[in-house]
Amino acid sequence: MTATETIQKVLLVNGEFTPSEAAEVIGSLIDQKINFHKIKRLQQWEQDHYADTSTIENRIRELEKEKRAAKAFIRQAQEEGGSFTIHGELRICFTPSA
C-alpha cells in the first residue's frame, strides 16, 4: 500500500437541498469540525497551560471564515431561487510509519 493510496471513502452528504436545508447541513458539518478543534485545543491546554495552540486557533478561524463564506453564497443564491446539490465525500488515506 502506498502512502497516498485512498483506502476508504465515506459519503457524508449527497442530494438536493432547499437553501435553508443547505445552510443547515453545511453549517452543522463545519460546526462539528470547529468543535473538534476546540476540544483538541482544550485537551492540549490541560496537558500544558503554556502549549502553543496557534495552529489549532488558526484552523478554527479558517473554518469560521469558510462558514461565513458558505452562508453568504447560499444567501446570494437564495435570492435567485432554486435548490442546491451537495456532494460531500471523505477520502481517507493511510500513511505508514517510517
PDB file of N, CA and C in Angstrom:
ATOM      1  N   MET A   1       0.844  -1.176   0.000  1.00  0.00           N
ATOM      2  CA  MET A   1       0.000   0.000   0.000  1.00  0.00           C
ATOM      3  C   MET A   1       0.892   1.244   0.000  1.00  0.00           C
ATOM      4  N   THR A   2       0.640   2.184  -0.889  1.00  0.00           N
ATOM      5  CA  THR A   2       1.446   3.402  -0.960  1.00  0.00           C
ATOM      6  C   THR A   2       0.900   4.452  -0.004  1.00  0.00           C
ATOM      7  N   ALA A   3       1.717   5.459   0.274  1.00  0.00           N
ATOM      8  CA  ALA A   3       1.348   6.489   1.239  1.00  0.00           C
ATOM      9  C   ALA A   3       0.141   7.300   0.804  1.00  0.00           C
ATOM     10  N   THR A   4      -0.093   7.409  -0.483  1.00  0.00           N
ATOM     11  CA  THR A   4      -1.188   8.245  -0.953  1.00  0.00           C
ATOM     12  C   THR A   4      -2.393   7.439  -1.425  1.00  0.00           C
ATOM     13  N   GLU A   5      -2.375   6.154  -1.207  1.00  0.00           N
ATOM     14  CA  GLU A   5      -3.476   5.315  -1.660  1.00  0.00           C
ATOM     15  C   GLU A   5      -4.726   5.569  -0.809  1.00  0.00           C
ATOM     16  N   THR A   6      -5.843   5.836  -1.474  1.00  0.00           N
ATOM     17  CA  THR A   6      -7.097   6.001  -0.762  1.00  0.00           C
ATOM     18  C   THR A   6      -7.583   4.621  -0.351  1.00  0.00           C
ATOM     19  N   ILE A   7      -7.823   4.452   0.932  1.00  0.00           N
ATOM     20  CA  ILE A   7      -8.246   3.137   1.391  1.00  0.00           C
ATOM     21  C   ILE A   7      -9.711   3.101   1.804  1.00  0.00           C
ATOM     22  N   GLN A   8     -10.316   4.266   1.975  1.00  0.00           N
ATOM     23  CA  GLN A   8     -11.709   4.295   2.397  1.00  0.00           C
ATOM     24  C   GLN A   8     -12.351   5.593   1.927  1.00  0.00           C
ATOM     25  N   LYS A   9     -13.580   5.491   1.496  1.00  0.00           N
ATOM     26  CA  LYS A   9     -14.368   6.671   1.158  1.00  0.00           C
ATOM     27  C   LYS A   9     -15.647   6.626   1.981  1.00  0.00           C
ATOM     28  N   VAL A  10     -16.034   7.788   2.501  1.00  0.00           N
ATOM     29  CA  VAL A  10     -17.253   7.898   3.287  1.00  0.00           C
ATOM     30  C   VAL A  10     -18.100   9.000   2.665  1.00  0.00           C
ATOM     31  N   LEU A  11     -19.269   8.639   2.184  1.00  0.00           N
ATOM     32  CA  LEU A  11     -20.180   9.614   1.591  1.00  0.00           C
ATOM     33  C   LEU A  11     -21.021  10.217   2.705  1.00  0.00           C
ATOM     34  N   LEU A  12     -20.750  11.471   3.040  1.00  0.00           N
ATOM     35  CA  LEU A  12     -21.455  12.147   4.124  1.00  0.00           C
ATOM     36  C   LEU A  12     -22.750  12.788   3.663  1.00  0.00           C
ATOM     37  N   VAL A  13     -22.695  13.445   2.523  1.00  0.00           N
ATOM     38  CA  VAL A  13     -23.850  14.183   2.020  1.00  0.00           C
ATOM     39  C   VAL A  13     -23.936  13.948   0.530  1.00  0.00           C
ATOM     40  N   ASN A  14     -25.142  13.687   0.055  1.00  0.00           N
ATOM     41  CA  ASN A  14     -25.332  13.517  -1.380  1.00  0.00           C
ATOM     42  C   ASN A  14     -26.802  13.739  -1.692  1.00  0.00           C
ATOM     43  N   GLY A  15     -27.121  14.923  -2.182  1.00  0.00           N
ATOM     44  CA  GLY A  15     -28.516  15.158  -2.505  1.00  0.00           C
ATOM     45  C   GLY A  15     -28.811  16.595  -2.854  1.00  0.00           C
ATOM     46  N   GLU A  16     -30.094  16.830  -3.070  1.00  0.00           N
ATOM     47  CA  GLU A  16     -30.581  18.162  -3.410  1.00  0.00           C
ATOM     48  C   GLU A  16     -31.270  18.743  -2.183  1.00  0.00           C
ATOM     49  N   PHE A  17     -31.008  20.024  -1.922  1.00  0.00           N
ATOM     50  CA  PHE A  17     -31.497  20.655  -0.708  1.00  0.00           C
ATOM     51  C   PHE A  17     -32.068  22.034  -1.011  1.00  0.00           C
ATOM     52  N   THR A  18     -33.051  22.436  -0.214  1.00  0.00           N
ATOM     53  CA  THR A  18     -33.534  23.814  -0.276  1.00  0.00           C
ATOM     54  C   THR A  18     -32.431  24.702   0.293  1.00  0.00           C
ATOM     55  N   PRO A  19     -32.516  26.006   0.061  1.00  0.00           N
ATOM     56  CA  PRO A  19     -31.491  26.885   0.630  1.00  0.00           C
ATOM     57  C   PRO A  19     -31.367  26.763   2.151  1.00  0.00           C
ATOM     58  N   SER A  20     -32.495  26.683   2.851  1.00  0.00           N
ATOM     59  CA  SER A  20     -32.412  26.582   4.313  1.00  0.00           C
ATOM     60  C   SER A  20     -31.819  25.244   4.738  1.00  0.00           C
ATOM     61  N   GLU A  21     -32.155  24.169   4.034  1.00  0.00           N
ATOM     62  CA  GLU A  21     -31.566  22.865   4.336  1.00  0.00           C
ATOM     63  C   GLU A  21     -30.066  22.866   4.054  1.00  0.00           C
ATOM     64  N   ALA A  22     -29.686  23.461   2.935  1.00  0.00           N
ATOM     65  CA  ALA A  22     -28.265  23.528   2.577  1.00  0.00           C
ATOM     66  C   ALA A  22     -27.481  24.294   3.637  1.00  0.00           C
ATOM     67  N   ALA A  23     -28.039  25.412   4.088  1.00  0.00           N
ATOM     68  CA  ALA A  23     -27.372  26.200   5.124  1.00  0.00           C
ATOM     69  C   ALA A  23     -27.229  25.391   6.408  1.00  0.00           C
ATOM     70  N   GLU A  24     -28.263  24.629   6.750  1.00  0.00           N
ATOM     71  CA  GLU A  24     -28.219  23.820   7.969  1.00  0.00           C
ATOM     72  C   GLU A  24     -27.195  22.688   7.856  1.00  0.00           C
ATOM     73  N   VAL A  25     -27.192  22.000   6.719  1.00  0.00           N
ATOM     74  CA  VAL A  25     -26.256  20.887   6.522  1.00  0.00           C
ATOM     75  C   VAL A  25     -24.814  21.385   6.558  1.00  0.00           C
ATOM     76  N   ILE A  26     -24.525  22.401   5.779  1.00  0.00           N
ATOM     77  CA  ILE A  26     -23.156  22.925   5.708  1.00  0.00           C
ATOM     78  C   ILE A  26     -22.728  23.509   7.051  1.00  0.00           C
ATOM     79  N   GLY A  27     -23.616  24.296   7.649  1.00  0.00           N
ATOM     80  CA  GLY A  27     -23.299  24.885   8.948  1.00  0.00           C
ATOM     81  C   GLY A  27     -23.030  23.834  10.012  1.00  0.00           C
ATOM     82  N   SER A  28     -23.840  22.787  10.026  1.00  0.00           N
ATOM     83  CA  SER A  28     -23.665  21.719  11.017  1.00  0.00           C
ATOM     84  C   SER A  28     -22.344  20.983  10.833  1.00  0.00           C
ATOM     85  N   LEU A  29     -21.996  20.687   9.591  1.00  0.00           N
ATOM     86  CA  LEU A  29     -20.733  19.995   9.329  1.00  0.00           C
ATOM     87  C   LEU A  29     -19.538  20.841   9.765  1.00  0.00           C
ATOM     88  N   ILE A  30     -19.570  22.115   9.415  1.00  0.00           N
ATOM     89  CA  ILE A  30     -18.457  22.995   9.789  1.00  0.00           C
ATOM     90  C   ILE A  30     -18.415  23.186  11.302  1.00  0.00           C
ATOM     91  N   ASP A  31     -19.590  23.339  11.930  1.00  0.00           N
ATOM     92  CA  ASP A  31     -19.630  23.489  13.386  1.00  0.00           C
ATOM     93  C   ASP A  31     -19.031  22.282  14.097  1.00  0.00           C
ATOM     94  N   GLN A  32     -19.311  21.090  13.594  1.00  0.00           N
ATOM     95  CA  GLN A  32     -18.748  19.889  14.206  1.00  0.00           C
ATOM     96  C   GLN A  32     -17.223  19.891  14.127  1.00  0.00           C
ATOM     97  N   LYS A  33     -16.701  20.314  12.998  1.00  0.00           N
ATOM     98  CA  LYS A  33     -15.245  20.363  12.838  1.00  0.00           C
ATOM     99  C   LYS A  33     -14.636  21.443  13.742  1.00  0.00           C
ATOM    100  N   ILE A  34     -15.304  22.582  13.862  1.00  0.00           N
ATOM    101  CA  ILE A  34     -14.835  23.637  14.767  1.00  0.00           C
ATOM    102  C   ILE A  34     -14.814  23.114  16.202  1.00  0.00           C
ATOM    103  N   ASN A  35     -15.889  22.441  16.604  1.00  0.00           N
ATOM    104  CA  ASN A  35     -15.953  21.900  17.965  1.00  0.00           C
ATOM    105  C   ASN A  35     -14.860  20.866  18.211  1.00  0.00           C
ATOM    106  N   PHE A  36     -14.564  20.047  17.210  1.00  0.00           N
ATOM    107  CA  PHE A  36     -13.476  19.073  17.317  1.00  0.00           C
ATOM    108  C   PHE A  36     -12.168  19.782  17.658  1.00  0.00           C
ATOM    109  N   HIS A  37     -11.879  20.858  16.932  1.00  0.00           N
ATOM    110  CA  HIS A  37     -10.631  21.584  17.163  1.00  0.00           C
ATOM    111  C   HIS A  37     -10.636  22.295  18.516  1.00  0.00           C
ATOM    112  N   LYS A  38     -11.785  22.805  18.937  1.00  0.00           N
ATOM    113  CA  LYS A  38     -11.866  23.451  20.248  1.00  0.00           C
ATOM    114  C   LYS A  38     -11.585  22.453  21.366  1.00  0.00           C
ATOM    115  N   ILE A  39     -12.093  21.243  21.225  1.00  0.00           N
ATOM    116  CA  ILE A  39     -11.828  20.200  22.221  1.00  0.00           C
ATOM    117  C   ILE A  39     -10.347  19.839  22.224  1.00  0.00           C
ATOM    118  N   LYS A  40      -9.761  19.712  21.038  1.00  0.00           N
ATOM    119  CA  LYS A  40      -8.326  19.408  20.951  1.00  0.00           C
ATOM    120  C   LYS A  40      -7.495  20.514  21.604  1.00  0.00           C
ATOM    121  N   ARG A  41      -7.895  21.758  21.383  1.00  0.00           N
ATOM    122  CA  ARG A  41      -7.183  22.892  21.984  1.00  0.00           C
ATOM    123  C   ARG A  41      -7.273  22.830  23.508  1.00  0.00           C
ATOM    124  N   LEU A  42      -8.453  22.527  24.019  1.00  0.00           N
ATOM    125  CA  LEU A  42      -8.638  22.415  25.463  1.00  0.00           C
ATOM    126  C   LEU A  42      -7.812  21.268  26.039  1.00  0.00           C
ATOM    127  N   GLN A  43      -7.811  20.132  25.354  1.00  0.00           N
ATOM    128  CA  GLN A  43      -7.013  18.996  25.814  1.00  0.00           C
ATOM    129  C   GLN A  43      -5.527  19.343  25.848  1.00  0.00           C
ATOM    130  N   GLN A  44      -5.084  20.044  24.824  1.00  0.00           N
ATOM    131  CA  GLN A  44      -3.676  20.447  24.770  1.00  0.00           C
ATOM    132  C   GLN A  44      -3.364  21.407  25.912  1.00  0.00           C
ATOM    133  N   TRP A  45      -4.270  22.345  26.171  1.00  0.00           N
ATOM    134  CA  TRP A  45      -4.077  23.315  27.247  1.00  0.00           C
ATOM    135  C   TRP A  45      -4.072  22.629  28.607  1.00  0.00           C
ATOM    136  N   GLU A  46      -4.953  21.621  28.788  1.00  0.00           N
ATOM    137  CA  GLU A  46      -4.993  20.897  30.060  1.00  0.00           C
ATOM    138  C   GLU A  46      -3.679  20.174  30.337  1.00  0.00           C
ATOM    139  N   GLN A  47      -3.030  19.685  29.303  1.00  0.00           N
ATOM    140  CA  GLN A  47      -1.752  18.992  29.469  1.00  0.00           C
ATOM    141  C   GLN A  47      -0.614  19.971  29.734  1.00  0.00           C
ATOM    142  N   ASP A  48      -0.705  21.148  29.106  1.00  0.00           N
ATOM    143  CA  ASP A  48       0.366  22.137  29.236  1.00  0.00           C
ATOM    144  C   ASP A  48      -0.242  23.520  29.043  1.00  0.00           C
ATOM    145  N   HIS A  49      -0.380  24.264  30.151  1.00  0.00           N
ATOM    146  CA  HIS A  49      -1.010  25.587  30.083  1.00  0.00           C
ATOM    147  C   HIS A  49      -0.240  26.575  29.204  1.00  0.00           C
ATOM    148  N   TYR A  50       0.995  26.244  28.870  1.00  0.00           N
ATOM    149  CA  TYR A  50       1.814  27.126  28.039  1.00  0.00           C
ATOM    150  C   TYR A  50       1.979  26.585  26.616  1.00  0.00           C
ATOM    151  N   ALA A  51       1.190  25.589  26.273  1.00  0.00           N
ATOM    152  CA  ALA A  51       1.296  24.970  24.944  1.00  0.00           C
ATOM    153  C   ALA A  51       0.944  25.979  23.857  1.00  0.00           C
ATOM    154  N   ASP A  52       1.610  25.844  22.743  1.00  0.00           N
ATOM    155  CA  ASP A  52       1.332  26.693  21.583  1.00  0.00           C
ATOM    156  C   ASP A  52       0.119  26.123  20.850  1.00  0.00           C
ATOM    157  N   THR A  53      -0.994  26.818  20.944  1.00  0.00           N
ATOM    158  CA  THR A  53      -2.224  26.364  20.284  1.00  0.00           C
ATOM    159  C   THR A  53      -2.534  27.191  19.036  1.00  0.00           C
ATOM    160  N   SER A  54      -1.549  27.922  18.558  1.00  0.00           N
ATOM    161  CA  SER A  54      -1.796  28.827  17.429  1.00  0.00           C
ATOM    162  C   SER A  54      -2.231  28.085  16.167  1.00  0.00           C
ATOM    163  N   THR A  55      -1.691  26.902  15.921  1.00  0.00           N
ATOM    164  CA  THR A  55      -2.086  26.140  14.732  1.00  0.00           C
ATOM    165  C   THR A  55      -3.565  25.778  14.804  1.00  0.00           C
ATOM    166  N   ILE A  56      -3.994  25.324  15.973  1.00  0.00           N
ATOM    167  CA  ILE A  56      -5.404  24.967  16.154  1.00  0.00           C
ATOM    168  C   ILE A  56      -6.277  26.211  16.046  1.00  0.00           C
ATOM    169  N   GLU A  57      -5.863  27.293  16.675  1.00  0.00           N
ATOM    170  CA  GLU A  57      -6.638  28.533  16.627  1.00  0.00           C
ATOM    171  C   GLU A  57      -6.750  29.059  15.202  1.00  0.00           C
ATOM    172  N   ASN A  58      -5.676  28.948  14.435  1.00  0.00           N
ATOM    173  CA  ASN A  58      -5.724  29.367  13.029  1.00  0.00           C
ATOM    174  C   ASN A  58      -6.717  28.524  12.248  1.00  0.00           C
ATOM    175  N   ARG A  59      -6.738  27.218  12.506  1.00  0.00           N
ATOM    176  CA  ARG A  59      -7.671  26.340  11.797  1.00  0.00           C
ATOM    177  C   ARG A  59      -9.110  26.675  12.164  1.00  0.00           C
ATOM    178  N   ILE A  60      -9.364  26.986  13.418  1.00  0.00           N
ATOM    179  CA  ILE A  60     -10.711  27.384  13.844  1.00  0.00           C
ATOM    180  C   ILE A  60     -11.130  28.648  13.108  1.00  0.00           C
ATOM    181  N   ARG A  61     -10.227  29.617  13.026  1.00  0.00           N
ATOM    182  CA  ARG A  61     -10.544  30.864  12.302  1.00  0.00           C
ATOM    183  C   ARG A  61     -10.810  30.594  10.824  1.00  0.00           C
ATOM    184  N   GLU A  62     -10.017  29.707  10.214  1.00  0.00           N
ATOM    185  CA  GLU A  62     -10.237  29.355   8.803  1.00  0.00           C
ATOM    186  C   GLU A  62     -11.619  28.744   8.603  1.00  0.00           C
ATOM    187  N   LEU A  63     -11.992  27.840   9.487  1.00  0.00           N
ATOM    188  CA  LEU A  63     -13.302  27.196   9.371  1.00  0.00           C
ATOM    189  C   LEU A  63     -14.437  28.195   9.583  1.00  0.00           C
ATOM    190  N   GLU A  64     -14.273  29.107  10.525  1.00  0.00           N
ATOM    191  CA  GLU A  64     -15.287  30.139  10.747  1.00  0.00           C
ATOM    192  C   GLU A  64     -15.420  31.030   9.520  1.00  0.00           C
ATOM    193  N   LYS A  65     -14.300  31.340   8.883  1.00  0.00           N
ATOM    194  CA  LYS A  65     -14.321  32.138   7.651  1.00  0.00           C
ATOM    195  C   LYS A  65     -15.039  31.374   6.542  1.00  0.00           C
ATOM    196  N   GLU A  66     -14.754  30.080   6.408  1.00  0.00           N
ATOM    197  CA  GLU A  66     -15.423  29.256   5.395  1.00  0.00           C
ATOM    198  C   GLU A  66     -16.923  29.185   5.652  1.00  0.00           C
ATOM    199  N   LYS A  67     -17.308  29.109   6.905  1.00  0.00           N
ATOM    200  CA  LYS A  67     -18.729  29.059   7.250  1.00  0.00           C
ATOM    201  C   LYS A  67     -19.425  30.357   6.842  1.00  0.00           C
ATOM    202  N   ARG A  68     -18.787  31.487   7.121  1.00  0.00           N
ATOM    203  CA  ARG A  68     -19.363  32.775   6.713  1.00  0.00           C
ATOM    204  C   ARG A  68     -19.477  32.864   5.196  1.00  0.00           C
ATOM    205  N   ALA A  69     -18.450  32.399   4.484  1.00  0.00           N
ATOM    206  CA  ALA A  69     -18.471  32.434   3.017  1.00  0.00           C
ATOM    207  C   ALA A  69     -19.585  31.546   2.472  1.00  0.00           C
ATOM    208  N   ALA A  70     -19.763  30.376   3.054  1.00  0.00           N
ATOM    209  CA  ALA A  70     -20.824  29.469   2.604  1.00  0.00           C
ATOM    210  C   ALA A  70     -22.194  30.088   2.843  1.00  0.00           C
ATOM    211  N   LYS A  71     -22.386  30.701   4.009  1.00  0.00           N
ATOM    212  CA  LYS A  71     -23.664  31.357   4.307  1.00  0.00           C
ATOM    213  C   LYS A  71     -23.940  32.485   3.320  1.00  0.00           C
ATOM    214  N   ALA A  72     -22.914  33.274   3.013  1.00  0.00           N
ATOM    215  CA  ALA A  72     -23.080  34.380   2.067  1.00  0.00           C
ATOM    216  C   ALA A  72     -23.432  33.851   0.684  1.00  0.00           C
ATOM    217  N   PHE A  73     -22.779  32.776   0.259  1.00  0.00           N
ATOM    218  CA  PHE A  73     -23.064  32.168  -1.041  1.00  0.00           C
ATOM    219  C   PHE A  73     -24.505  31.673  -1.094  1.00  0.00           C
ATOM    220  N   ILE A  74     -24.931  30.985  -0.065  1.00  0.00           N
ATOM    221  CA  ILE A  74     -26.296  30.452  -0.031  1.00  0.00           C
ATOM    222  C   ILE A  74     -27.306  31.587  -0.008  1.00  0.00           C
ATOM    223  N   ARG A  75     -27.043  32.612   0.781  1.00  0.00           N
ATOM    224  CA  ARG A  75     -27.951  33.762   0.863  1.00  0.00           C
ATOM    225  C   ARG A  75     -28.084  34.442  -0.500  1.00  0.00           C
ATOM    226  N   GLN A  76     -26.965  34.633  -1.192  1.00  0.00           N
ATOM    227  CA  GLN A  76     -26.987  35.272  -2.506  1.00  0.00           C
ATOM    228  C   GLN A  76     -27.731  34.403  -3.511  1.00  0.00           C
ATOM    229  N   ALA A  77     -27.452  33.111  -3.508  1.00  0.00           N
ATOM    230  CA  ALA A  77     -28.111  32.201  -4.444  1.00  0.00           C
ATOM    231  C   ALA A  77     -29.589  32.059  -4.124  1.00  0.00           C
ATOM    232  N   GLN A  78     -29.939  32.154  -2.861  1.00  0.00           N
ATOM    233  CA  GLN A  78     -31.336  32.027  -2.445  1.00  0.00           C
ATOM    234  C   GLN A  78     -32.193  33.123  -3.078  1.00  0.00           C
ATOM    235  N   GLU A  79     -31.630  34.299  -3.246  1.00  0.00           N
ATOM    236  CA  GLU A  79     -32.352  35.409  -3.859  1.00  0.00           C
ATOM    237  C   GLU A  79     -32.718  35.115  -5.307  1.00  0.00           C
ATOM    238  N   GLU A  80     -31.928  34.270  -5.959  1.00  0.00           N
ATOM    239  CA  GLU A  80     -32.189  33.904  -7.347  1.00  0.00           C
ATOM    240  C   GLU A  80     -33.148  32.731  -7.460  1.00  0.00           C
ATOM    241  N   GLY A  81     -33.446  32.067  -6.346  1.00  0.00           N
ATOM    242  CA  GLY A  81     -34.338  30.912  -6.350  1.00  0.00           C
ATOM    243  C   GLY A  81     -33.601  29.644  -6.726  1.00  0.00           C
ATOM    244  N   GLY A  82     -34.260  28.524  -6.532  1.00  0.00           N
ATOM    245  CA  GLY A  82     -33.666  27.247  -6.897  1.00  0.00           C
ATOM    246  C   GLY A  82     -33.243  26.438  -5.690  1.00  0.00           C
ATOM    247  N   SER A  83     -32.500  25.388  -5.972  1.00  0.00           N
ATOM    248  CA  SER A  83     -32.066  24.478  -4.912  1.00  0.00           C
ATOM    249  C   SER A  83     -30.558  24.256  -5.016  1.00  0.00           C
ATOM    250  N   PHE A  84     -30.034  23.509  -4.072  1.00  0.00           N
ATOM    251  CA  PHE A  84     -28.605  23.231  -4.014  1.00  0.00           C
ATOM    252  C   PHE A  84     -28.371  21.734  -4.067  1.00  0.00           C
ATOM    253  N   THR A  85     -27.377  21.337  -4.818  1.00  0.00           N
ATOM    254  CA  THR A  85     -26.920  19.958  -4.801  1.00  0.00           C
ATOM    255  C   THR A  85     -25.610  19.935  -4.031  1.00  0.00           C
ATOM    256  N   ILE A  86     -25.567  19.089  -3.026  1.00  0.00           N
ATOM    257  CA  ILE A  86     -24.367  18.987  -2.196  1.00  0.00           C
ATOM    258  C   ILE A  86     -23.865  17.553  -2.255  1.00  0.00           C
ATOM    259  N   HIS A  87     -22.589  17.420  -2.552  1.00  0.00           N
ATOM    260  CA  HIS A  87     -21.931  16.114  -2.564  1.00  0.00           C
ATOM    261  C   HIS A  87     -20.701  16.237  -1.683  1.00  0.00           C
ATOM    262  N   GLY A  88     -20.715  15.560  -0.573  1.00  0.00           N
ATOM    263  CA  GLY A  88     -19.584  15.631   0.353  1.00  0.00           C
ATOM    264  C   GLY A  88     -19.059  14.249   0.664  1.00  0.00           C
ATOM    265  N   GLU A  89     -17.815  14.027   0.285  1.00  0.00           N
ATOM    266  CA  GLU A  89     -17.201  12.715   0.465  1.00  0.00           C
ATOM    267  C   GLU A  89     -15.873  12.867   1.190  1.00  0.00           C
ATOM    268  N   LEU A  90     -15.654  12.035   2.190  1.00  0.00           N
ATOM    269  CA  LEU A  90     -14.348  11.969   2.843  1.00  0.00           C
ATOM    270  C   LEU A  90     -13.521  10.908   2.152  1.00  0.00           C
ATOM    271  N   ARG A  91     -12.283  11.226   1.864  1.00  0.00           N
ATOM    272  CA  ARG A  91     -11.337  10.239   1.336  1.00  0.00           C
ATOM    273  C   ARG A  91     -10.281  10.037   2.406  1.00  0.00           C
ATOM    274  N   ILE A  92     -10.207   8.840   2.908  1.00  0.00           N
ATOM    275  CA  ILE A  92      -9.289   8.532   3.999  1.00  0.00           C
ATOM    276  C   ILE A  92      -8.084   7.803   3.421  1.00  0.00           C
ATOM    277  N   CYS A  93      -6.902   8.377   3.634  1.00  0.00           N
ATOM    278  CA  CYS A  93      -5.666   7.798   3.109  1.00  0.00           C
ATOM    279  C   CYS A  93      -4.789   7.332   4.264  1.00  0.00           C
ATOM    280  N   PHE A  94      -4.066   6.281   4.026  1.00  0.00           N
ATOM    281  CA  PHE A  94      -3.174   5.704   5.027  1.00  0.00           C
ATOM    282  C   PHE A  94      -1.734   6.085   4.719  1.00  0.00           C
ATOM    283  N   THR A  95      -1.017   6.529   5.746  1.00  0.00           N
ATOM    284  CA  THR A  95       0.408   6.810   5.623  1.00  0.00           C
ATOM    285  C   THR A  95       1.141   5.904   6.608  1.00  0.00           C
ATOM    286  N   PRO A  96       1.914   4.956   6.097  1.00  0.00           N
ATOM    287  CA  PRO A  96       2.621   4.044   7.004  1.00  0.00           C
ATOM    288  C   PRO A  96       3.707   4.772   7.790  1.00  0.00           C
ATOM    289  N   SER A  97       3.998   4.248   8.964  1.00  0.00           N
ATOM    290  CA  SER A  97       5.079   4.798   9.790  1.00  0.00           C
ATOM    291  C   SER A  97       6.414   4.562   9.105  1.00  0.00           C
ATOM    292  N   ALA A  98       7.362   5.428   9.419  1.00  0.00           N
ATOM    293  CA  ALA A  98       8.701   5.322   8.809  1.00  0.00           C
ATOM    294  C   ALA A  98       9.438   4.091   9.242  1.00  0.00           C
TER     295      ALA A  98
END
